Amino acid sequence: MADAPTLAEAINDTCPWSGKPIAEDSLTTYNGHVVGFCNPGCRDKFEAATGHFEAALNSEVAE
């Protein structure tokens, strides 16, 4: 299993949703980059949004 992402690896310092500082427990990896959020709820909202977007792109490619 890969190591968990760290704050030092994050490409941002503030949450893209709230503008608050990012937190260690609220990191995700997107397109090979660590993205930070202020809380797990913001992280989960981002993961859901990008998941829907990627699913739509993949269905377009498959057609």
N, C-alpha and C. Protein backbone atom coordinates (compact mmCIF):
# COMPACT_ATOMS: atom_id res chain seq x y z
N MET A 1 0.84 -1.18 0.00
CA MET A 1 0.00 0.00 0.00
C MET A 1 0.89 1.24 0.00
N ALA A 2 0.50 2.24 -0.79
CA ALA A 2 1.29 3.47 -0.89
C ALA A 2 1.16 4.28 0.40
N ASP A 3 2.20 5.08 0.65
CA ASP A 3 2.16 5.95 1.82
C ASP A 3 1.04 6.97 1.68
N ALA A 4 0.47 7.35 2.80
CA ALA A 4 -0.58 8.37 2.79
C ALA A 4 0.03 9.71 2.40
N PRO A 5 -0.72 10.53 1.68
CA PRO A 5 -0.19 11.85 1.31
C PRO A 5 0.02 12.72 2.55
N THR A 6 0.93 13.68 2.45
CA THR A 6 1.23 14.58 3.57
C THR A 6 0.98 16.03 3.18
N LEU A 7 0.87 16.88 4.19
CA LEU A 7 0.68 18.31 3.93
C LEU A 7 1.80 18.88 3.09
N ALA A 8 3.03 18.41 3.32
CA ALA A 8 4.18 18.93 2.57
C ALA A 8 4.06 18.64 1.08
N GLU A 9 3.34 17.60 0.71
CA GLU A 9 3.17 17.24 -0.70
C GLU A 9 2.04 17.99 -1.40
N ALA A 10 1.17 18.63 -0.64
CA ALA A 10 -0.01 19.29 -1.21
C ALA A 10 0.39 20.44 -2.13
N ILE A 11 -0.35 20.57 -3.22
CA ILE A 11 -0.09 21.64 -4.18
C ILE A 11 -0.79 22.94 -3.78
N ASN A 12 -1.59 22.90 -2.72
CA ASN A 12 -2.30 24.09 -2.26
C ASN A 12 -2.17 24.23 -0.75
N ASP A 13 -2.35 25.46 -0.27
CA ASP A 13 -2.29 25.74 1.17
C ASP A 13 -3.67 25.97 1.77
N THR A 14 -4.61 26.35 0.92
CA THR A 14 -5.96 26.61 1.40
C THR A 14 -6.97 25.76 0.65
N CYS A 15 -8.07 25.47 1.32
CA CYS A 15 -9.13 24.64 0.76
C CYS A 15 -9.78 25.35 -0.43
N PRO A 16 -9.92 24.66 -1.56
CA PRO A 16 -10.55 25.28 -2.72
C PRO A 16 -12.03 25.60 -2.50
N TRP A 17 -12.68 24.91 -1.56
CA TRP A 17 -14.10 25.16 -1.30
C TRP A 17 -14.29 26.31 -0.31
N SER A 18 -13.51 26.32 0.78
CA SER A 18 -13.77 27.28 1.86
C SER A 18 -12.75 28.40 1.98
N GLY A 19 -11.54 28.19 1.48
CA GLY A 19 -10.48 29.16 1.63
C GLY A 19 -9.73 29.05 2.95
N LYS A 20 -10.14 28.09 3.79
CA LYS A 20 -9.47 27.87 5.08
C LYS A 20 -8.20 27.04 4.87
N PRO A 21 -7.29 27.05 5.84
CA PRO A 21 -6.07 26.24 5.73
C PRO A 21 -6.40 24.75 5.60
N ILE A 22 -5.57 24.02 4.85
CA ILE A 22 -5.79 22.59 4.66
C ILE A 22 -5.37 21.82 5.92
N ALA A 23 -5.93 20.61 6.06
CA ALA A 23 -5.68 19.77 7.23
C ALA A 23 -5.11 18.43 6.81
N GLU A 24 -4.26 17.86 7.65
CA GLU A 24 -3.59 16.58 7.38
C GLU A 24 -4.58 15.45 7.11
N ASP A 25 -5.74 15.48 7.77
CA ASP A 25 -6.71 14.39 7.61
C ASP A 25 -7.65 14.60 6.43
N SER A 26 -7.37 15.60 5.60
CA SER A 26 -8.28 15.97 4.52
C SER A 26 -7.57 16.10 3.18
N LEU A 27 -6.68 15.17 2.90
CA LEU A 27 -5.90 15.18 1.66
C LEU A 27 -6.41 14.10 0.72
N THR A 28 -6.26 14.34 -0.57
CA THR A 28 -6.57 13.34 -1.58
C THR A 28 -5.56 13.49 -2.71
N THR A 29 -5.52 12.51 -3.56
CA THR A 29 -4.65 12.57 -4.74
C THR A 29 -5.53 12.67 -5.97
N TYR A 30 -5.22 13.63 -6.82
CA TYR A 30 -5.97 13.82 -8.06
C TYR A 30 -4.99 14.06 -9.18
N ASN A 31 -5.08 13.22 -10.22
CA ASN A 31 -4.17 13.32 -11.38
C ASN A 31 -2.71 13.37 -10.96
N GLY A 32 -2.36 12.58 -9.95
CA GLY A 32 -0.98 12.49 -9.52
C GLY A 32 -0.51 13.59 -8.58
N HIS A 33 -1.41 14.46 -8.16
CA HIS A 33 -1.06 15.57 -7.27
C HIS A 33 -1.85 15.46 -5.97
N VAL A 34 -1.21 15.82 -4.87
CA VAL A 34 -1.89 15.84 -3.58
C VAL A 34 -2.62 17.18 -3.46
N VAL A 35 -3.93 17.09 -3.19
CA VAL A 35 -4.77 18.27 -3.02
C VAL A 35 -5.30 18.25 -1.60
N GLY A 36 -5.22 19.39 -0.92
CA GLY A 36 -5.66 19.47 0.47
C GLY A 36 -6.96 20.24 0.63
N PHE A 37 -7.69 19.88 1.69
CA PHE A 37 -8.95 20.51 2.03
C PHE A 37 -8.97 20.80 3.52
N CYS A 38 -9.90 21.64 3.96
CA CYS A 38 -9.94 22.03 5.37
C CYS A 38 -10.54 20.96 6.26
N ASN A 39 -11.34 20.08 5.69
CA ASN A 39 -11.95 19.01 6.47
C ASN A 39 -12.34 17.86 5.55
N PRO A 40 -12.61 16.68 6.10
CA PRO A 40 -12.96 15.54 5.25
C PRO A 40 -14.22 15.76 4.41
N GLY A 41 -15.15 16.59 4.88
CA GLY A 41 -16.36 16.86 4.10
C GLY A 41 -16.05 17.56 2.79
N CYS A 42 -15.17 18.55 2.83
CA CYS A 42 -14.77 19.23 1.60
C CYS A 42 -14.02 18.27 0.68
N ARG A 43 -13.14 17.45 1.25
CA ARG A 43 -12.41 16.46 0.45
C ARG A 43 -13.38 15.51 -0.23
N ASP A 44 -14.37 15.03 0.52
CA ASP A 44 -15.33 14.08 -0.03
C ASP A 44 -16.19 14.72 -1.12
N LYS A 45 -16.54 16.00 -0.94
CA LYS A 45 -17.31 16.72 -1.96
C LYS A 45 -16.50 16.80 -3.25
N PHE A 46 -15.21 17.10 -3.14
CA PHE A 46 -14.32 17.16 -4.31
C PHE A 46 -14.23 15.79 -4.99
N GLU A 47 -14.02 14.74 -4.20
CA GLU A 47 -13.90 13.40 -4.77
C GLU A 47 -15.18 12.98 -5.49
N ALA A 48 -16.34 13.33 -4.93
CA ALA A 48 -17.61 13.00 -5.59
C ALA A 48 -17.75 13.77 -6.89
N ALA A 49 -17.43 15.07 -6.86
CA ALA A 49 -17.56 15.89 -8.07
C ALA A 49 -16.63 15.41 -9.17
N THR A 50 -15.37 15.16 -8.83
CA THR A 50 -14.44 14.71 -9.87
C THR A 50 -14.78 13.30 -10.33
N GLY A 51 -15.31 12.47 -9.45
CA GLY A 51 -15.72 11.13 -9.85
C GLY A 51 -16.84 11.16 -10.87
N HIS A 52 -17.82 12.05 -10.66
CA HIS A 52 -18.92 12.19 -11.63
C HIS A 52 -18.40 12.72 -12.95
N PHE A 53 -17.50 13.69 -12.89
CA PHE A 53 -16.94 14.27 -14.11
C PHE A 53 -16.16 13.23 -14.90
N GLU A 54 -15.30 12.48 -14.21
CA GLU A 54 -14.50 11.46 -14.89
C GLU A 54 -15.38 10.35 -15.47
N ALA A 55 -16.45 9.98 -14.77
CA ALA A 55 -17.37 8.96 -15.29
C ALA A 55 -18.03 9.46 -16.57
N ALA A 56 -18.41 10.73 -16.59
CA ALA A 56 -19.02 11.30 -17.79
C ALA A 56 -18.02 11.32 -18.95
N LEU A 57 -16.78 11.69 -18.66
CA LEU A 57 -15.75 11.68 -19.71
C LEU A 57 -15.53 10.27 -20.25
N ASN A 58 -15.45 9.32 -19.34
CA ASN A 58 -15.21 7.93 -19.76
C ASN A 58 -16.37 7.39 -20.60
N SER A 59 -17.60 7.78 -20.30
CA SER A 59 -18.73 7.30 -21.10
C SER A 59 -18.72 7.96 -22.48
N GLU A 60 -18.25 9.19 -22.58
CA GLU A 60 -18.12 9.86 -23.88
C GLU A 60 -17.06 9.16 -24.74
N VAL A 61 -15.95 8.78 -24.12
CA VAL A 61 -14.87 8.12 -24.84
C VAL A 61 -15.32 6.74 -25.32
N ALA A 62 -16.13 6.06 -24.52
CA ALA A 62 -16.57 4.70 -24.85
C ALA A 62 -17.58 4.68 -26.00
N GLU A 63 -18.25 5.77 -26.25
CA GLU A 63 -19.27 5.81 -27.30
C GLU A 63 -18.69 5.85 -28.68
